[in-house]
Amino acid sequence: MFGRGLRRISPGLSACYKGPRTIAGSRQRFSIAPGKRSSLYDPIRQPEKDDDVYGDGLNVAKDGLIYCPPSEPVDYPNGACFMPNTFTMQEHIREFVDQVQDCNEAADGASGLRVPYIIRVRRGTTIPSGLKLQYQPQYFAPFHLGPAYPMSLDYLNQILDRFYTSHGEMVAATEWLASNEYHNAFVEGDAEKWMAE
């Protein structure tokens, strides 16, 4: 229900590269996992989670490891999705927040859906050695913090948990939207401006 069809903006090959060791420009990640926890999962083994949050499903190889680049065509990015504060990001976060609030209201708060939040990683943050920042423009959220070498999904989630705890700022999505007004968002193609944020 939530986020279906938002995973890709166009077909194409993944372009994974070992990016810089620091974040250039602040990036935000949208999540519903409790606390500063990584919620990446294997959509083949857990198809029921496909409706949770777009972009949290990964391509797990048959040997149980996550590779970048993947050895076969992919439907999911291989890492935690991050975006600069763009109009597209704002639109999708607002839509998701509205859907969660509508479901909670319809169920008198008993829908079980958590208030989503944003994890922000500021410009200049050093990326841990087990991770690399990937740019995959064919996806809705073009930046992915993924494995620097093949690793299991559990281990990747553990590394991301530590990274979010030490470097992530967590704020409720409703608060983030209130302090980041829509008209102040960046155009996706204006990288010079959002890289300086």
N, C-alpha and C. Protein backbone atom coordinates (compact mmCIF):
# COMPACT_ATOMS: atom_id res chain seq x y z
N MET A 1 0.82 -1.18 0.00
CA MET A 1 0.00 0.00 0.00
C MET A 1 0.87 1.25 0.00
N PHE A 2 1.75 1.42 0.98
CA PHE A 2 2.55 2.63 1.04
C PHE A 2 3.78 2.49 0.16
N GLY A 3 3.95 3.42 -0.75
CA GLY A 3 5.17 3.48 -1.53
C GLY A 3 5.23 2.54 -2.71
N ARG A 4 4.22 1.73 -2.95
CA ARG A 4 4.29 0.81 -4.08
C ARG A 4 4.44 1.59 -5.37
N GLY A 5 5.35 1.13 -6.22
CA GLY A 5 5.55 1.79 -7.51
C GLY A 5 6.51 2.96 -7.45
N LEU A 6 7.07 3.26 -6.29
CA LEU A 6 7.96 4.41 -6.19
C LEU A 6 9.43 4.01 -6.24
N ARG A 7 9.71 2.73 -6.35
CA ARG A 7 11.10 2.29 -6.24
C ARG A 7 11.98 2.77 -7.38
N ARG A 8 11.46 2.84 -8.58
CA ARG A 8 12.31 3.20 -9.71
C ARG A 8 11.65 4.32 -10.49
N ILE A 9 12.48 5.22 -11.02
CA ILE A 9 11.92 6.24 -11.88
C ILE A 9 12.13 5.90 -13.35
N SER A 10 13.05 5.01 -13.62
CA SER A 10 13.24 4.55 -14.99
C SER A 10 14.07 3.28 -14.95
N PRO A 11 13.96 2.44 -15.98
CA PRO A 11 14.78 1.24 -16.00
C PRO A 11 16.22 1.61 -16.31
N GLY A 12 17.12 0.73 -16.03
CA GLY A 12 18.51 1.00 -16.36
C GLY A 12 19.43 0.19 -15.47
N LEU A 13 20.70 0.28 -15.76
CA LEU A 13 21.69 -0.44 -14.98
C LEU A 13 22.07 0.35 -13.74
N SER A 14 22.40 -0.35 -12.68
CA SER A 14 22.87 0.32 -11.48
C SER A 14 24.27 0.84 -11.72
N ALA A 15 24.53 2.04 -11.27
CA ALA A 15 25.87 2.61 -11.37
C ALA A 15 26.40 2.74 -9.95
N CYS A 16 27.13 1.74 -9.49
CA CYS A 16 27.69 1.78 -8.15
C CYS A 16 29.14 2.22 -8.25
N TYR A 17 29.56 3.04 -7.34
CA TYR A 17 30.95 3.45 -7.33
C TYR A 17 31.36 3.69 -5.90
N LYS A 18 32.64 3.61 -5.67
CA LYS A 18 33.14 3.91 -4.34
C LYS A 18 33.26 5.40 -4.26
N GLY A 19 32.31 6.02 -3.62
CA GLY A 19 32.24 7.47 -3.55
C GLY A 19 33.22 8.04 -2.55
N PRO A 20 33.09 9.33 -2.29
CA PRO A 20 33.96 9.98 -1.33
C PRO A 20 33.75 9.40 0.06
N ARG A 21 34.73 9.55 0.92
CA ARG A 21 34.64 9.01 2.27
C ARG A 21 33.88 9.92 3.22
N THR A 22 33.41 11.07 2.72
CA THR A 22 32.57 11.94 3.54
C THR A 22 31.32 12.29 2.75
N ILE A 23 30.26 12.63 3.47
CA ILE A 23 29.00 13.03 2.84
C ILE A 23 29.15 14.46 2.34
N ALA A 24 28.86 14.68 1.06
CA ALA A 24 28.87 16.03 0.49
C ALA A 24 27.43 16.49 0.40
N GLY A 25 27.04 17.43 1.20
CA GLY A 25 25.64 17.86 1.24
C GLY A 25 24.85 16.96 2.18
N SER A 26 23.99 17.55 2.98
CA SER A 26 23.19 16.76 3.93
C SER A 26 22.24 15.83 3.19
N ARG A 27 22.02 14.66 3.76
CA ARG A 27 21.10 13.68 3.19
C ARG A 27 20.10 13.28 4.26
N GLN A 28 18.89 12.98 3.82
CA GLN A 28 17.83 12.55 4.72
C GLN A 28 17.36 11.16 4.35
N ARG A 29 16.98 10.39 5.35
CA ARG A 29 16.42 9.06 5.15
C ARG A 29 15.10 8.99 5.88
N PHE A 30 14.09 8.46 5.20
CA PHE A 30 12.74 8.32 5.74
C PHE A 30 12.59 6.91 6.29
N SER A 31 12.08 6.76 7.51
CA SER A 31 11.99 5.43 8.11
C SER A 31 10.82 5.34 9.08
N ILE A 32 10.35 4.11 9.30
CA ILE A 32 9.35 3.87 10.34
C ILE A 32 9.86 2.90 11.39
N ALA A 33 11.11 2.45 11.26
CA ALA A 33 11.67 1.53 12.25
C ALA A 33 11.83 2.26 13.58
N PRO A 34 11.61 1.57 14.70
CA PRO A 34 11.73 2.25 16.00
C PRO A 34 13.18 2.62 16.30
N GLY A 35 13.38 3.79 16.89
CA GLY A 35 14.72 4.25 17.24
C GLY A 35 15.57 4.46 16.01
N LYS A 36 16.85 4.61 16.23
CA LYS A 36 17.78 4.79 15.10
C LYS A 36 18.21 3.42 14.62
N ARG A 37 17.28 2.70 14.02
CA ARG A 37 17.52 1.33 13.59
C ARG A 37 17.36 1.22 12.09
N SER A 38 18.16 0.36 11.52
CA SER A 38 18.05 0.09 10.09
C SER A 38 16.96 -0.96 9.88
N SER A 39 16.14 -0.75 8.87
CA SER A 39 15.02 -1.67 8.62
C SER A 39 15.10 -2.30 7.23
N LEU A 40 16.32 -2.43 6.69
CA LEU A 40 16.47 -3.05 5.38
C LEU A 40 16.09 -4.52 5.46
N TYR A 41 15.52 -5.05 4.38
CA TYR A 41 15.03 -6.43 4.40
C TYR A 41 15.12 -7.03 3.01
N ASP A 42 14.92 -8.34 2.94
CA ASP A 42 14.91 -9.09 1.69
C ASP A 42 13.45 -9.26 1.25
N PRO A 43 13.02 -8.57 0.18
CA PRO A 43 11.61 -8.64 -0.23
C PRO A 43 11.20 -10.02 -0.76
N ILE A 44 12.15 -10.86 -1.11
CA ILE A 44 11.82 -12.22 -1.56
C ILE A 44 11.42 -13.06 -0.35
N ARG A 45 12.16 -12.93 0.74
CA ARG A 45 11.88 -13.71 1.95
C ARG A 45 10.82 -13.07 2.84
N GLN A 46 10.60 -11.77 2.68
CA GLN A 46 9.60 -11.07 3.49
C GLN A 46 8.72 -10.20 2.60
N PRO A 47 7.94 -10.80 1.70
CA PRO A 47 7.14 -10.00 0.77
C PRO A 47 6.09 -9.13 1.46
N GLU A 48 5.67 -9.52 2.66
CA GLU A 48 4.66 -8.74 3.37
C GLU A 48 5.19 -7.37 3.79
N LYS A 49 6.51 -7.23 3.87
CA LYS A 49 7.09 -5.94 4.25
C LYS A 49 7.15 -4.97 3.09
N ASP A 50 6.84 -5.41 1.89
CA ASP A 50 6.95 -4.56 0.71
C ASP A 50 6.09 -3.32 0.81
N ASP A 51 5.09 -3.35 1.67
CA ASP A 51 4.22 -2.19 1.82
C ASP A 51 4.67 -1.24 2.92
N ASP A 52 5.73 -1.57 3.64
CA ASP A 52 6.15 -0.73 4.76
C ASP A 52 6.67 0.63 4.29
N VAL A 53 7.90 0.68 3.90
CA VAL A 53 8.50 1.93 3.43
C VAL A 53 9.25 1.64 2.15
N TYR A 54 9.01 2.47 1.15
CA TYR A 54 9.67 2.26 -0.11
C TYR A 54 11.18 2.33 0.10
N GLY A 55 11.88 1.55 -0.66
CA GLY A 55 13.33 1.62 -0.67
C GLY A 55 14.04 0.84 0.41
N ASP A 56 13.33 0.15 1.29
CA ASP A 56 14.00 -0.62 2.33
C ASP A 56 14.28 -2.05 1.90
N GLY A 57 13.74 -2.48 0.75
CA GLY A 57 14.02 -3.81 0.23
C GLY A 57 15.33 -3.82 -0.54
N LEU A 58 16.13 -4.88 -0.35
CA LEU A 58 17.43 -5.00 -1.02
C LEU A 58 17.47 -6.23 -1.90
N ASN A 59 18.42 -6.25 -2.81
CA ASN A 59 18.69 -7.42 -3.64
C ASN A 59 19.67 -8.31 -2.90
N VAL A 60 19.17 -9.39 -2.35
CA VAL A 60 20.03 -10.34 -1.64
C VAL A 60 20.32 -11.49 -2.60
N ALA A 61 21.60 -11.76 -2.83
CA ALA A 61 22.00 -12.82 -3.76
C ALA A 61 21.63 -14.20 -3.20
N LYS A 62 21.70 -15.21 -4.06
CA LYS A 62 21.33 -16.57 -3.64
C LYS A 62 22.22 -17.09 -2.52
N ASP A 63 23.46 -16.56 -2.42
CA ASP A 63 24.35 -17.00 -1.35
C ASP A 63 24.09 -16.25 -0.04
N GLY A 64 23.05 -15.39 -0.03
CA GLY A 64 22.67 -14.68 1.19
C GLY A 64 23.41 -13.38 1.42
N LEU A 65 24.24 -12.97 0.46
CA LEU A 65 25.02 -11.74 0.62
C LEU A 65 24.48 -10.62 -0.26
N ILE A 66 24.81 -9.41 0.12
CA ILE A 66 24.44 -8.23 -0.66
C ILE A 66 25.69 -7.75 -1.37
N TYR A 67 25.58 -7.56 -2.70
CA TYR A 67 26.71 -7.14 -3.52
C TYR A 67 26.43 -5.79 -4.16
N CYS A 68 27.48 -5.07 -4.46
CA CYS A 68 27.36 -3.87 -5.27
C CYS A 68 28.59 -3.80 -6.16
N PRO A 69 28.35 -3.80 -7.48
CA PRO A 69 27.04 -3.86 -8.10
C PRO A 69 26.46 -5.27 -8.04
N PRO A 70 25.13 -5.38 -8.09
CA PRO A 70 24.50 -6.70 -8.08
C PRO A 70 24.90 -7.49 -9.32
N SER A 71 24.88 -8.81 -9.20
CA SER A 71 25.29 -9.66 -10.31
C SER A 71 24.17 -9.90 -11.32
N GLU A 72 23.00 -9.34 -11.07
CA GLU A 72 21.86 -9.51 -11.98
C GLU A 72 21.04 -8.23 -12.00
N PRO A 73 20.12 -8.08 -12.97
CA PRO A 73 19.27 -6.87 -13.00
C PRO A 73 18.53 -6.72 -11.68
N VAL A 74 18.33 -5.47 -11.26
CA VAL A 74 17.78 -5.23 -9.93
C VAL A 74 16.48 -4.45 -9.97
N ASP A 75 15.64 -4.70 -8.97
CA ASP A 75 14.42 -3.93 -8.77
C ASP A 75 14.55 -3.01 -7.57
N TYR A 76 15.54 -3.27 -6.73
CA TYR A 76 15.73 -2.50 -5.51
C TYR A 76 17.17 -2.00 -5.46
N PRO A 77 17.41 -0.85 -4.85
CA PRO A 77 18.79 -0.41 -4.65
C PRO A 77 19.44 -1.28 -3.58
N ASN A 78 20.74 -1.35 -3.56
CA ASN A 78 21.42 -2.17 -2.56
C ASN A 78 22.01 -1.31 -1.44
N GLY A 79 21.14 -0.63 -0.74
CA GLY A 79 21.57 0.18 0.39
C GLY A 79 20.42 1.00 0.94
N ALA A 80 20.69 1.70 2.03
CA ALA A 80 19.70 2.57 2.66
C ALA A 80 19.54 3.82 1.80
N CYS A 81 18.31 4.14 1.43
CA CYS A 81 18.03 5.28 0.55
C CYS A 81 18.18 6.60 1.30
N PHE A 82 18.87 7.54 0.66
CA PHE A 82 19.02 8.89 1.18
C PHE A 82 18.75 9.86 0.05
N MET A 83 18.23 11.03 0.42
CA MET A 83 17.96 12.08 -0.57
C MET A 83 18.32 13.43 0.00
N PRO A 84 18.67 14.36 -0.87
CA PRO A 84 18.74 15.75 -0.41
C PRO A 84 17.31 16.27 -0.25
N ASN A 85 17.14 17.43 0.33
CA ASN A 85 15.81 18.01 0.52
C ASN A 85 15.32 18.58 -0.81
N THR A 86 14.72 17.72 -1.63
CA THR A 86 14.21 18.13 -2.94
C THR A 86 12.69 18.15 -2.94
N PHE A 87 12.12 18.73 -3.98
CA PHE A 87 10.66 18.76 -4.10
C PHE A 87 10.09 17.34 -4.15
N THR A 88 10.76 16.45 -4.87
CA THR A 88 10.28 15.07 -4.97
C THR A 88 10.28 14.39 -3.61
N MET A 89 11.36 14.57 -2.87
CA MET A 89 11.42 13.98 -1.53
C MET A 89 10.28 14.52 -0.66
N GLN A 90 10.08 15.83 -0.70
CA GLN A 90 9.02 16.45 0.10
C GLN A 90 7.65 15.88 -0.26
N GLU A 91 7.38 15.75 -1.56
CA GLU A 91 6.08 15.26 -2.01
C GLU A 91 5.81 13.84 -1.50
N HIS A 92 6.81 12.98 -1.60
CA HIS A 92 6.60 11.59 -1.20
C HIS A 92 6.53 11.44 0.32
N ILE A 93 7.31 12.22 1.05
CA ILE A 93 7.22 12.16 2.51
C ILE A 93 5.85 12.66 2.96
N ARG A 94 5.40 13.78 2.37
CA ARG A 94 4.09 14.32 2.74
C ARG A 94 2.98 13.31 2.42
N GLU A 95 3.08 12.66 1.27
CA GLU A 95 2.07 11.67 0.90
C GLU A 95 2.06 10.50 1.89
N PHE A 96 3.24 10.01 2.25
CA PHE A 96 3.32 8.88 3.17
C PHE A 96 2.80 9.26 4.55
N VAL A 97 3.20 10.44 5.05
CA VAL A 97 2.73 10.91 6.36
C VAL A 97 1.21 11.03 6.35
N ASP A 98 0.65 11.59 5.29
CA ASP A 98 -0.81 11.71 5.18
C ASP A 98 -1.49 10.34 5.21
N GLN A 99 -0.92 9.36 4.50
CA GLN A 99 -1.50 8.02 4.48
C GLN A 99 -1.46 7.37 5.86
N VAL A 100 -0.34 7.53 6.56
CA VAL A 100 -0.23 6.96 7.91
C VAL A 100 -1.25 7.61 8.84
N GLN A 101 -1.35 8.94 8.78
CA GLN A 101 -2.31 9.65 9.63
C GLN A 101 -3.75 9.25 9.30
N ASP A 102 -4.07 9.12 8.02
CA ASP A 102 -5.42 8.70 7.62
C ASP A 102 -5.74 7.30 8.15
N CYS A 103 -4.79 6.37 8.03
CA CYS A 103 -5.02 5.01 8.53
C CYS A 103 -5.18 4.99 10.04
N ASN A 104 -4.35 5.77 10.74
CA ASN A 104 -4.47 5.83 12.20
C ASN A 104 -5.79 6.43 12.63
N GLU A 105 -6.24 7.47 11.93
CA GLU A 105 -7.53 8.09 12.26
C GLU A 105 -8.68 7.13 11.98
N ALA A 106 -8.63 6.44 10.85
CA ALA A 106 -9.70 5.50 10.48
C ALA A 106 -9.79 4.34 11.47
N ALA A 107 -8.66 3.98 12.07
CA ALA A 107 -8.65 2.86 13.02
C ALA A 107 -8.61 3.34 14.46
N ASP A 108 -8.94 4.61 14.68
CA ASP A 108 -8.90 5.20 16.03
C ASP A 108 -7.55 4.96 16.71
N GLY A 109 -6.49 5.11 15.93
CA GLY A 109 -5.15 4.96 16.48
C GLY A 109 -4.69 3.53 16.64
N ALA A 110 -5.52 2.57 16.24
CA ALA A 110 -5.19 1.15 16.44
C ALA A 110 -4.67 0.49 15.17
N SER A 111 -4.26 1.27 14.19
CA SER A 111 -3.79 0.67 12.94
C SER A 111 -2.43 0.01 13.10
N GLY A 112 -1.70 0.37 14.14
CA GLY A 112 -0.37 -0.20 14.35
C GLY A 112 0.72 0.51 13.58
N LEU A 113 0.35 1.52 12.79
CA LEU A 113 1.35 2.25 12.02
C LEU A 113 2.04 3.28 12.91
N ARG A 114 3.37 3.29 12.86
CA ARG A 114 4.14 4.23 13.65
C ARG A 114 4.27 5.56 12.93
N VAL A 115 4.46 6.60 13.71
CA VAL A 115 4.73 7.91 13.12
C VAL A 115 6.09 7.83 12.43
N PRO A 116 6.15 8.09 11.15
CA PRO A 116 7.43 8.01 10.45
C PRO A 116 8.37 9.13 10.90
N TYR A 117 9.65 8.92 10.67
CA TYR A 117 10.62 9.93 11.03
C TYR A 117 11.71 10.02 9.97
N ILE A 118 12.52 11.04 10.13
CA ILE A 118 13.62 11.30 9.20
C ILE A 118 14.93 11.12 9.95
N ILE A 119 15.88 10.43 9.35
CA ILE A 119 17.24 10.38 9.86
C ILE A 119 18.06 11.29 8.95
N ARG A 120 18.67 12.29 9.52
CA ARG A 120 19.48 13.23 8.74
C ARG A 120 20.95 12.98 9.04
N VAL A 121 21.75 12.92 7.99
CA VAL A 121 23.20 12.81 8.11
C VAL A 121 23.77 14.06 7.47
N ARG A 122 24.53 14.80 8.25
CA ARG A 122 25.02 16.10 7.81
C ARG A 122 26.23 16.01 6.89
N ARG A 123 26.38 17.06 6.10
CA ARG A 123 27.52 17.20 5.21
C ARG A 123 28.81 17.09 6.02
N GLY A 124 29.81 16.43 5.43
CA GLY A 124 31.10 16.29 6.08
C GLY A 124 31.22 15.08 6.98
N THR A 125 30.12 14.33 7.15
CA THR A 125 30.15 13.13 7.99
C THR A 125 31.00 12.05 7.31
N THR A 126 31.90 11.45 8.06
CA THR A 126 32.76 10.39 7.52
C THR A 126 31.96 9.09 7.41
N ILE A 127 32.09 8.45 6.28
CA ILE A 127 31.40 7.18 6.03
C ILE A 127 32.26 6.05 6.60
N PRO A 128 31.69 5.14 7.40
CA PRO A 128 32.46 4.02 7.96
C PRO A 128 33.06 3.15 6.86
N SER A 129 34.16 2.48 7.18
CA SER A 129 34.87 1.68 6.18
C SER A 129 34.03 0.53 5.62
N GLY A 130 33.05 0.03 6.35
CA GLY A 130 32.22 -1.07 5.86
C GLY A 130 31.12 -0.63 4.91
N LEU A 131 30.96 0.70 4.73
CA LEU A 131 29.90 1.24 3.88
C LEU A 131 30.49 2.07 2.75
N LYS A 132 29.69 2.25 1.71
CA LYS A 132 30.05 3.19 0.66
C LYS A 132 28.79 3.89 0.19
N LEU A 133 28.96 5.13 -0.22
CA LEU A 133 27.85 5.90 -0.75
C LEU A 133 27.75 5.62 -2.23
N GLN A 134 26.58 5.18 -2.67
CA GLN A 134 26.36 4.84 -4.07
C GLN A 134 25.43 5.86 -4.70
N TYR A 135 25.68 6.17 -5.94
CA TYR A 135 24.77 7.04 -6.69
C TYR A 135 24.15 6.19 -7.78
N GLN A 136 22.83 5.99 -7.70
CA GLN A 136 22.10 5.17 -8.65
C GLN A 136 20.92 6.00 -9.14
N PRO A 137 21.13 6.83 -10.17
CA PRO A 137 20.12 7.80 -10.59
C PRO A 137 18.83 7.21 -11.13
N GLN A 138 18.79 5.92 -11.42
CA GLN A 138 17.57 5.34 -11.96
C GLN A 138 16.51 5.13 -10.88
N TYR A 139 16.87 5.27 -9.62
CA TYR A 139 15.91 5.11 -8.52
C TYR A 139 15.37 6.45 -8.08
N PHE A 140 14.19 6.40 -7.47
CA PHE A 140 13.55 7.61 -6.94
C PHE A 140 14.49 8.33 -5.96
N ALA A 141 15.07 7.60 -5.02
CA ALA A 141 16.06 8.16 -4.09
C ALA A 141 17.43 7.74 -4.61
N PRO A 142 18.18 8.66 -5.23
CA PRO A 142 19.37 8.26 -5.96
C PRO A 142 20.60 7.91 -5.12
N PHE A 143 20.62 8.26 -3.84
CA PHE A 143 21.78 7.97 -3.01
C PHE A 143 21.46 6.80 -2.09
N HIS A 144 22.41 5.86 -2.00
CA HIS A 144 22.23 4.68 -1.17
C HIS A 144 23.51 4.41 -0.40
N LEU A 145 23.35 4.21 0.88
CA LEU A 145 24.48 3.86 1.72
C LEU A 145 24.45 2.35 1.84
N GLY A 146 25.37 1.70 1.13
CA GLY A 146 25.35 0.25 1.03
C GLY A 146 26.66 -0.38 1.43
N PRO A 147 26.79 -1.69 1.23
CA PRO A 147 27.99 -2.40 1.65
C PRO A 147 29.20 -2.06 0.78
N ALA A 148 30.36 -1.89 1.42
CA ALA A 148 31.60 -1.64 0.69
C ALA A 148 32.18 -2.94 0.14
N TYR A 149 31.71 -4.06 0.66
CA TYR A 149 32.14 -5.39 0.23
C TYR A 149 30.95 -6.32 0.49
N PRO A 150 30.91 -7.51 -0.14
CA PRO A 150 29.77 -8.40 0.08
C PRO A 150 29.58 -8.72 1.56
N MET A 151 28.34 -8.60 2.03
CA MET A 151 28.05 -8.90 3.43
C MET A 151 26.61 -9.35 3.57
N SER A 152 26.31 -9.93 4.72
CA SER A 152 24.94 -10.39 4.98
C SER A 152 24.05 -9.19 5.30
N LEU A 153 22.76 -9.39 5.13
CA LEU A 153 21.78 -8.35 5.43
C LEU A 153 21.83 -7.98 6.91
N ASP A 154 21.94 -8.97 7.80
CA ASP A 154 22.00 -8.69 9.23
C ASP A 154 23.21 -7.82 9.57
N TYR A 155 24.35 -8.15 8.98
CA TYR A 155 25.57 -7.38 9.27
C TYR A 155 25.45 -5.95 8.73
N LEU A 156 24.88 -5.80 7.53
CA LEU A 156 24.68 -4.46 6.98
C LEU A 156 23.77 -3.64 7.89
N ASN A 157 22.69 -4.23 8.36
CA ASN A 157 21.79 -3.52 9.29
C ASN A 157 22.51 -3.13 10.58
N GLN A 158 23.40 -4.00 11.08
CA GLN A 158 24.16 -3.67 12.29
C GLN A 158 25.09 -2.48 12.06
N ILE A 159 25.79 -2.46 10.93
CA ILE A 159 26.69 -1.34 10.61
C ILE A 159 25.89 -0.05 10.49
N LEU A 160 24.75 -0.13 9.81
CA LEU A 160 23.91 1.07 9.66
C LEU A 160 23.35 1.52 11.01
N ASP A 161 22.96 0.58 11.87
CA ASP A 161 22.48 0.95 13.21
C ASP A 161 23.55 1.77 13.94
N ARG A 162 24.79 1.29 13.91
CA ARG A 162 25.88 2.01 14.59
C ARG A 162 26.10 3.39 13.96
N PHE A 163 26.03 3.45 12.63
CA PHE A 163 26.22 4.72 11.94
C PHE A 163 25.11 5.71 12.29
N TYR A 164 23.86 5.26 12.28
CA TYR A 164 22.74 6.14 12.63
C TYR A 164 22.85 6.62 14.08
N THR A 165 23.25 5.72 14.98
CA THR A 165 23.37 6.09 16.39
C THR A 165 24.46 7.14 16.59
N SER A 166 25.58 6.99 15.90
CA SER A 166 26.69 7.92 16.11
C SER A 166 26.62 9.18 15.26
N HIS A 167 25.97 9.13 14.09
CA HIS A 167 26.00 10.27 13.18
C HIS A 167 24.63 10.75 12.71
N GLY A 168 23.57 10.03 13.01
CA GLY A 168 22.25 10.41 12.51
C GLY A 168 21.49 11.28 13.49
N GLU A 169 20.77 12.24 12.95
CA GLU A 169 19.85 13.06 13.75
C GLU A 169 18.44 12.59 13.41
N MET A 170 17.69 12.18 14.43
CA MET A 170 16.35 11.65 14.19
C MET A 170 15.31 12.68 14.59
N VAL A 171 14.34 12.89 13.69
CA VAL A 171 13.26 13.83 13.97
C VAL A 171 11.97 13.28 13.35
N ALA A 172 10.85 13.49 14.02
CA ALA A 172 9.56 13.05 13.47
C ALA A 172 9.35 13.70 12.11
N ALA A 173 8.81 12.96 11.17
CA ALA A 173 8.61 13.49 9.81
C ALA A 173 7.74 14.74 9.82
N THR A 174 6.74 14.78 10.70
CA THR A 174 5.88 15.96 10.76
C THR A 174 6.67 17.19 11.21
N GLU A 175 7.57 17.01 12.18
CA GLU A 175 8.42 18.13 12.62
C GLU A 175 9.38 18.55 11.52
N TRP A 176 9.97 17.55 10.85
CA TRP A 176 10.92 17.84 9.78
C TRP A 176 10.24 18.64 8.67
N LEU A 177 9.04 18.22 8.29
CA LEU A 177 8.31 18.93 7.24
C LEU A 177 7.97 20.35 7.66
N ALA A 178 7.64 20.54 8.94
CA ALA A 178 7.31 21.89 9.43
C ALA A 178 8.53 22.81 9.40
N SER A 179 9.71 22.26 9.67
CA SER A 179 10.91 23.10 9.68
C SER A 179 11.61 23.16 8.33
N ASN A 180 11.18 22.37 7.37
CA ASN A 180 11.73 22.38 6.01
C ASN A 180 10.58 22.61 5.05
N GLU A 181 10.17 23.85 4.94
CA GLU A 181 9.00 24.19 4.14
C GLU A 181 9.20 23.82 2.67
N TYR A 182 8.10 23.43 2.06
CA TYR A 182 8.12 22.94 0.68
C TYR A 182 8.77 23.93 -0.29
N HIS A 183 8.44 25.20 -0.15
CA HIS A 183 8.96 26.19 -1.11
C HIS A 183 10.47 26.40 -0.97
N ASN A 184 11.08 25.89 0.11
CA ASN A 184 12.53 26.00 0.28
C ASN A 184 13.28 24.76 -0.20
N ALA A 185 12.56 23.78 -0.71
CA ALA A 185 13.21 22.56 -1.20
C ALA A 185 13.98 22.87 -2.48
N PHE A 186 14.87 21.94 -2.84
CA PHE A 186 15.69 22.11 -4.03
C PHE A 186 15.11 21.34 -5.22
N VAL A 187 15.42 21.81 -6.41
CA VAL A 187 15.11 21.08 -7.63
C VAL A 187 16.12 19.94 -7.73
N GLU A 188 15.67 18.76 -8.13
CA GLU A 188 16.56 17.59 -8.19
C GLU A 188 17.84 17.85 -8.97
N GLY A 189 17.73 18.52 -10.09
CA GLY A 189 18.89 18.75 -10.95
C GLY A 189 19.83 19.84 -10.48
N ASP A 190 19.49 20.55 -9.42
CA ASP A 190 20.31 21.66 -8.95
C ASP A 190 21.29 21.19 -7.88
N ALA A 191 22.18 20.28 -8.28
CA ALA A 191 23.10 19.64 -7.34
C ALA A 191 24.02 20.63 -6.64
N GLU A 192 24.42 21.69 -7.33
CA GLU A 192 25.33 22.66 -6.72
C GLU A 192 24.72 23.25 -5.45
N LYS A 193 23.42 23.52 -5.47
CA LYS A 193 22.76 24.11 -4.30
C LYS A 193 22.56 23.09 -3.19
N TRP A 194 22.03 21.89 -3.52
CA TRP A 194 21.78 20.96 -2.42
C TRP A 194 23.04 20.31 -1.91
N MET A 195 24.12 20.30 -2.68
CA MET A 195 25.39 19.78 -2.17
C MET A 195 25.98 20.72 -1.13
N ALA A 196 25.62 22.00 -1.20
CA ALA A 196 26.15 22.99 -0.26
C ALA A 196 25.34 23.06 1.03
N GLU A 197 24.19 22.37 1.08
CA GLU A 197 23.32 22.43 2.27
C GLU A 197 24.00 21.81 3.48
